[in-house]
Amino acid sequence: GEHVTALFWDFSSLPQKPRTEAEDELFSQSLKVMGDVYASAFGTTVIRHRSVPSQPAELDGEVVILVEKGGGLDGASAEAELRSALGAFENPRYEEGRWRVRFPTHAAAEAAVE
């Protein structure tokens, strides 16, 4: 709904083990403010999932690249740079603040972003 201004998915929003030294530092910094997320005076709602939901089949092979305004990938002219970084993909679509590209398989998408 319109009232939702942010989503923080605990486990997948923070680097999990094994972590690099830089990821350990980020994780430590994050732990210091986790209470603010879960006990916000501004009305945080916490929903507990006991498992990660299955990925819808229609998203197999899709990769979403979030971009900052003015960051170089925030326009249609950036497609060549994406192809250079990710390899062969199909159906590139630029939306405000993001690119969506599709690979033939989910495994190909995972390999492209590693």
Foldseek 3Di string as FASTA:
>chain_A
DVVDDDDDDDPVNADDPPDDPVSVVVNVVCVVCVCCQVPPPVDHDDDDDPDDDDDPPVCFQKDKDFDDVVRQCQDPVCPVVLCVQQPDWDDWDHDGRIIITGHPGNVSSVVRVD
